[in-house]
Amino acid sequence: MTKRRYGAEEIIRKLCEVEVLCGQGVSIGEACRKIEVSEQTYYRWRKEYGGLRVGQARRLKELEKENSRLKKLVADLSLDKAILKEAASGNF
């Protein structure tokens, strides 16, 4: 079985599909089989994307990517600052 990466839009669509199926009286396990994901994946998705709309999920991913980029930038600048501070004190 190959792993497939789903986009935020697809995940939200599948979560809505499970909600509809559960509303019709289908169990969570059966609904997960119908959307072709494991129950563990379903619960992980529900924890991360539960209650979000497609636009909000897209924005969430963009913000996570930007946050990661900014953290790397801060780490680089902190390292540069430490190097300059050490060089200025003459301990090289």
N, C-alpha and C. Protein backbone atom coordinates (compact mmCIF):
# COMPACT_ATOMS: atom_id res chain seq x y z
N MET A 1 0.85 -1.18 0.00
CA MET A 1 0.00 0.00 0.00
C MET A 1 0.89 1.24 0.00
N THR A 2 0.67 2.11 -0.95
CA THR A 2 1.49 3.30 -1.06
C THR A 2 0.88 4.43 -0.24
N LYS A 3 1.77 5.25 0.29
CA LYS A 3 1.30 6.41 1.05
C LYS A 3 0.97 7.53 0.08
N ARG A 4 -0.06 8.26 0.39
CA ARG A 4 -0.47 9.37 -0.45
C ARG A 4 -0.58 10.60 0.43
N ARG A 5 -0.05 11.68 -0.03
CA ARG A 5 -0.16 12.95 0.68
C ARG A 5 -1.39 13.68 0.18
N TYR A 6 -2.24 14.06 1.09
CA TYR A 6 -3.45 14.80 0.74
C TYR A 6 -3.24 16.27 1.04
N GLY A 7 -3.79 17.12 0.21
CA GLY A 7 -3.75 18.55 0.46
C GLY A 7 -4.82 18.93 1.46
N ALA A 8 -4.74 20.15 1.96
CA ALA A 8 -5.68 20.61 2.97
C ALA A 8 -7.12 20.57 2.46
N GLU A 9 -7.32 20.92 1.20
CA GLU A 9 -8.66 20.91 0.64
C GLU A 9 -9.24 19.50 0.61
N GLU A 10 -8.40 18.54 0.20
CA GLU A 10 -8.85 17.15 0.14
C GLU A 10 -9.17 16.61 1.53
N ILE A 11 -8.33 16.97 2.49
CA ILE A 11 -8.55 16.49 3.86
C ILE A 11 -9.87 17.01 4.40
N ILE A 12 -10.13 18.29 4.21
CA ILE A 12 -11.37 18.87 4.71
C ILE A 12 -12.58 18.25 4.00
N ARG A 13 -12.43 17.99 2.71
CA ARG A 13 -13.51 17.35 1.96
C ARG A 13 -13.79 15.95 2.52
N LYS A 14 -12.73 15.21 2.82
CA LYS A 14 -12.90 13.86 3.37
C LYS A 14 -13.49 13.90 4.78
N LEU A 15 -13.09 14.88 5.59
CA LEU A 15 -13.66 15.02 6.93
C LEU A 15 -15.16 15.32 6.84
N CYS A 16 -15.54 16.16 5.91
CA CYS A 16 -16.97 16.46 5.73
C CYS A 16 -17.72 15.21 5.27
N GLU A 17 -17.09 14.44 4.42
CA GLU A 17 -17.72 13.21 3.94
C GLU A 17 -17.96 12.23 5.09
N VAL A 18 -16.98 12.13 6.00
CA VAL A 18 -17.15 11.25 7.16
C VAL A 18 -18.28 11.76 8.05
N GLU A 19 -18.38 13.08 8.24
CA GLU A 19 -19.46 13.64 9.05
C GLU A 19 -20.82 13.30 8.45
N VAL A 20 -20.93 13.39 7.12
CA VAL A 20 -22.18 13.07 6.46
C VAL A 20 -22.52 11.60 6.65
N LEU A 21 -21.52 10.74 6.46
CA LEU A 21 -21.75 9.30 6.62
C LEU A 21 -22.14 8.95 8.05
N CYS A 22 -21.50 9.58 9.02
CA CYS A 22 -21.84 9.32 10.43
C CYS A 22 -23.24 9.82 10.74
N GLY A 23 -23.64 10.91 10.10
CA GLY A 23 -24.99 11.40 10.27
C GLY A 23 -26.03 10.44 9.72
N GLN A 24 -25.64 9.61 8.77
CA GLN A 24 -26.54 8.62 8.19
C GLN A 24 -26.53 7.31 8.98
N GLY A 25 -25.76 7.29 10.08
CA GLY A 25 -25.76 6.12 10.94
C GLY A 25 -24.61 5.15 10.71
N VAL A 26 -23.65 5.51 9.87
CA VAL A 26 -22.49 4.66 9.60
C VAL A 26 -21.47 4.87 10.71
N SER A 27 -20.80 3.81 11.13
CA SER A 27 -19.79 3.94 12.19
C SER A 27 -18.55 4.65 11.65
N ILE A 28 -17.73 5.16 12.57
CA ILE A 28 -16.51 5.87 12.19
C ILE A 28 -15.59 4.94 11.40
N GLY A 29 -15.44 3.71 11.87
CA GLY A 29 -14.57 2.76 11.19
C GLY A 29 -15.00 2.50 9.75
N GLU A 30 -16.30 2.29 9.56
CA GLU A 30 -16.83 2.05 8.22
C GLU A 30 -16.67 3.29 7.34
N ALA A 31 -16.90 4.47 7.91
CA ALA A 31 -16.76 5.71 7.14
C ALA A 31 -15.31 5.92 6.72
N CYS A 32 -14.38 5.58 7.61
CA CYS A 32 -12.96 5.71 7.27
C CYS A 32 -12.58 4.75 6.14
N ARG A 33 -13.12 3.57 6.16
CA ARG A 33 -12.86 2.62 5.07
C ARG A 33 -13.42 3.16 3.75
N LYS A 34 -14.56 3.81 3.80
CA LYS A 34 -15.15 4.35 2.57
C LYS A 34 -14.32 5.48 1.98
N ILE A 35 -13.70 6.30 2.84
CA ILE A 35 -12.86 7.38 2.31
C ILE A 35 -11.41 6.94 2.13
N GLU A 36 -11.14 5.66 2.44
CA GLU A 36 -9.85 5.02 2.21
C GLU A 36 -8.71 5.61 3.03
N VAL A 37 -8.98 5.87 4.32
CA VAL A 37 -7.93 6.25 5.27
C VAL A 37 -8.13 5.46 6.55
N SER A 38 -7.08 5.37 7.35
CA SER A 38 -7.19 4.64 8.61
C SER A 38 -7.90 5.52 9.65
N GLU A 39 -8.39 4.88 10.69
CA GLU A 39 -9.05 5.65 11.76
C GLU A 39 -8.05 6.58 12.42
N GLN A 40 -6.81 6.13 12.57
CA GLN A 40 -5.79 6.97 13.19
C GLN A 40 -5.58 8.24 12.37
N THR A 41 -5.51 8.09 11.06
CA THR A 41 -5.35 9.24 10.18
C THR A 41 -6.56 10.16 10.31
N TYR A 42 -7.75 9.59 10.36
CA TYR A 42 -8.96 10.40 10.50
C TYR A 42 -8.92 11.24 11.77
N TYR A 43 -8.57 10.62 12.89
CA TYR A 43 -8.55 11.36 14.16
C TYR A 43 -7.44 12.42 14.17
N ARG A 44 -6.30 12.11 13.54
CA ARG A 44 -5.23 13.10 13.45
C ARG A 44 -5.66 14.29 12.61
N TRP A 45 -6.31 14.02 11.48
CA TRP A 45 -6.83 15.09 10.64
C TRP A 45 -7.87 15.91 11.37
N ARG A 46 -8.76 15.23 12.08
CA ARG A 46 -9.83 15.93 12.79
C ARG A 46 -9.25 16.85 13.86
N LYS A 47 -8.18 16.39 14.51
CA LYS A 47 -7.55 17.22 15.53
C LYS A 47 -6.92 18.47 14.91
N GLU A 48 -6.31 18.32 13.74
CA GLU A 48 -5.63 19.44 13.10
C GLU A 48 -6.58 20.34 12.31
N TYR A 49 -7.52 19.75 11.58
CA TYR A 49 -8.36 20.52 10.66
C TYR A 49 -9.82 20.61 11.08
N GLY A 50 -10.19 20.04 12.20
CA GLY A 50 -11.58 20.02 12.61
C GLY A 50 -12.18 21.41 12.72
N GLY A 51 -13.25 21.65 12.02
CA GLY A 51 -13.94 22.93 12.09
C GLY A 51 -13.40 23.99 11.15
N LEU A 52 -12.36 23.70 10.39
CA LEU A 52 -11.81 24.70 9.47
C LEU A 52 -12.49 24.60 8.11
N ARG A 53 -12.56 25.74 7.46
CA ARG A 53 -13.01 25.76 6.07
C ARG A 53 -11.76 25.69 5.19
N VAL A 54 -11.97 25.50 3.90
CA VAL A 54 -10.85 25.31 2.98
C VAL A 54 -9.91 26.51 2.97
N GLY A 55 -10.46 27.71 2.91
CA GLY A 55 -9.63 28.92 2.91
C GLY A 55 -8.82 29.07 4.18
N GLN A 56 -9.44 28.73 5.30
CA GLN A 56 -8.73 28.82 6.58
C GLN A 56 -7.59 27.81 6.64
N ALA A 57 -7.81 26.61 6.14
CA ALA A 57 -6.77 25.58 6.15
C ALA A 57 -5.59 26.00 5.25
N ARG A 58 -5.90 26.57 4.12
CA ARG A 58 -4.84 27.04 3.22
C ARG A 58 -4.02 28.12 3.90
N ARG A 59 -4.69 29.05 4.57
CA ARG A 59 -4.00 30.14 5.29
C ARG A 59 -3.15 29.58 6.43
N LEU A 60 -3.67 28.56 7.12
CA LEU A 60 -2.93 27.92 8.21
C LEU A 60 -1.61 27.35 7.69
N LYS A 61 -1.65 26.65 6.59
CA LYS A 61 -0.43 26.07 6.01
C LYS A 61 0.55 27.17 5.59
N GLU A 62 0.05 28.25 5.01
CA GLU A 62 0.93 29.36 4.63
C GLU A 62 1.60 29.97 5.85
N LEU A 63 0.84 30.15 6.92
CA LEU A 63 1.40 30.72 8.14
C LEU A 63 2.43 29.80 8.78
N GLU A 64 2.19 28.49 8.74
CA GLU A 64 3.16 27.54 9.28
C GLU A 64 4.46 27.59 8.48
N LYS A 65 4.35 27.70 7.16
CA LYS A 65 5.54 27.78 6.31
C LYS A 65 6.32 29.07 6.59
N GLU A 66 5.59 30.19 6.72
CA GLU A 66 6.24 31.46 7.01
C GLU A 66 6.89 31.45 8.39
N ASN A 67 6.22 30.86 9.37
CA ASN A 67 6.77 30.77 10.72
C ASN A 67 8.07 29.97 10.71
N SER A 68 8.12 28.89 9.98
CA SER A 68 9.33 28.07 9.87
C SER A 68 10.47 28.88 9.25
N ARG A 69 10.16 29.62 8.21
CA ARG A 69 11.17 30.45 7.55
C ARG A 69 11.71 31.51 8.49
N LEU A 70 10.82 32.15 9.25
CA LEU A 70 11.25 33.19 10.19
C LEU A 70 12.09 32.62 11.33
N LYS A 71 11.75 31.43 11.80
CA LYS A 71 12.55 30.80 12.86
C LYS A 71 13.97 30.52 12.38
N LYS A 72 14.11 30.07 11.14
CA LYS A 72 15.44 29.83 10.58
C LYS A 72 16.22 31.14 10.48
N LEU A 73 15.54 32.20 10.07
CA LEU A 73 16.17 33.50 9.95
C LEU A 73 16.67 33.99 11.30
N VAL A 74 15.87 33.86 12.34
CA VAL A 74 16.26 34.28 13.69
C VAL A 74 17.45 33.46 14.18
N ALA A 75 17.45 32.17 13.90
CA ALA A 75 18.57 31.31 14.31
C ALA A 75 19.86 31.76 13.63
N ASP A 76 19.79 32.06 12.33
CA ASP A 76 20.99 32.52 11.60
C ASP A 76 21.49 33.84 12.16
N LEU A 77 20.59 34.77 12.42
CA LEU A 77 20.99 36.07 12.94
C LEU A 77 21.57 35.95 14.35
N SER A 78 21.02 35.08 15.17
CA SER A 78 21.55 34.87 16.51
C SER A 78 22.96 34.30 16.46
N LEU A 79 23.19 33.39 15.53
CA LEU A 79 24.52 32.82 15.35
C LEU A 79 25.51 33.89 14.90
N ASP A 80 25.11 34.71 13.94
CA ASP A 80 25.97 35.80 13.48
C ASP A 80 26.31 36.75 14.62
N LYS A 81 25.34 37.08 15.42
CA LYS A 81 25.54 37.98 16.55
C LYS A 81 26.53 37.38 17.55
N ALA A 82 26.40 36.11 17.84
CA ALA A 82 27.31 35.45 18.78
C ALA A 82 28.73 35.44 18.24
N ILE A 83 28.88 35.19 16.94
CA ILE A 83 30.22 35.18 16.32
C ILE A 83 30.85 36.57 16.40
N LEU A 84 30.08 37.60 16.06
CA LEU A 84 30.60 38.97 16.11
C LEU A 84 30.97 39.39 17.53
N LYS A 85 30.15 38.97 18.50
CA LYS A 85 30.41 39.31 19.89
C LYS A 85 31.71 38.66 20.36
N GLU A 86 31.93 37.41 19.96
CA GLU A 86 33.14 36.72 20.35
C GLU A 86 34.37 37.34 19.68
N ALA A 87 34.22 37.71 18.42
CA ALA A 87 35.34 38.33 17.69
C ALA A 87 35.67 39.71 18.29
N ALA A 88 34.66 40.44 18.71
CA ALA A 88 34.88 41.78 19.27
C ALA A 88 35.56 41.71 20.63
N SER A 89 35.33 40.64 21.37
CA SER A 89 35.95 40.54 22.69
C SER A 89 37.39 40.04 22.59
N GLY A 90 37.81 39.57 21.44
CA GLY A 90 39.20 39.15 21.24
C GLY A 90 39.47 37.73 21.69
N ASN A 91 38.47 36.91 21.84
CA ASN A 91 38.65 35.52 22.27
C ASN A 91 38.67 34.57 21.08
N PHE A 92 39.49 34.86 20.11
CA PHE A 92 39.52 33.97 18.96
C PHE A 92 40.87 33.37 18.76
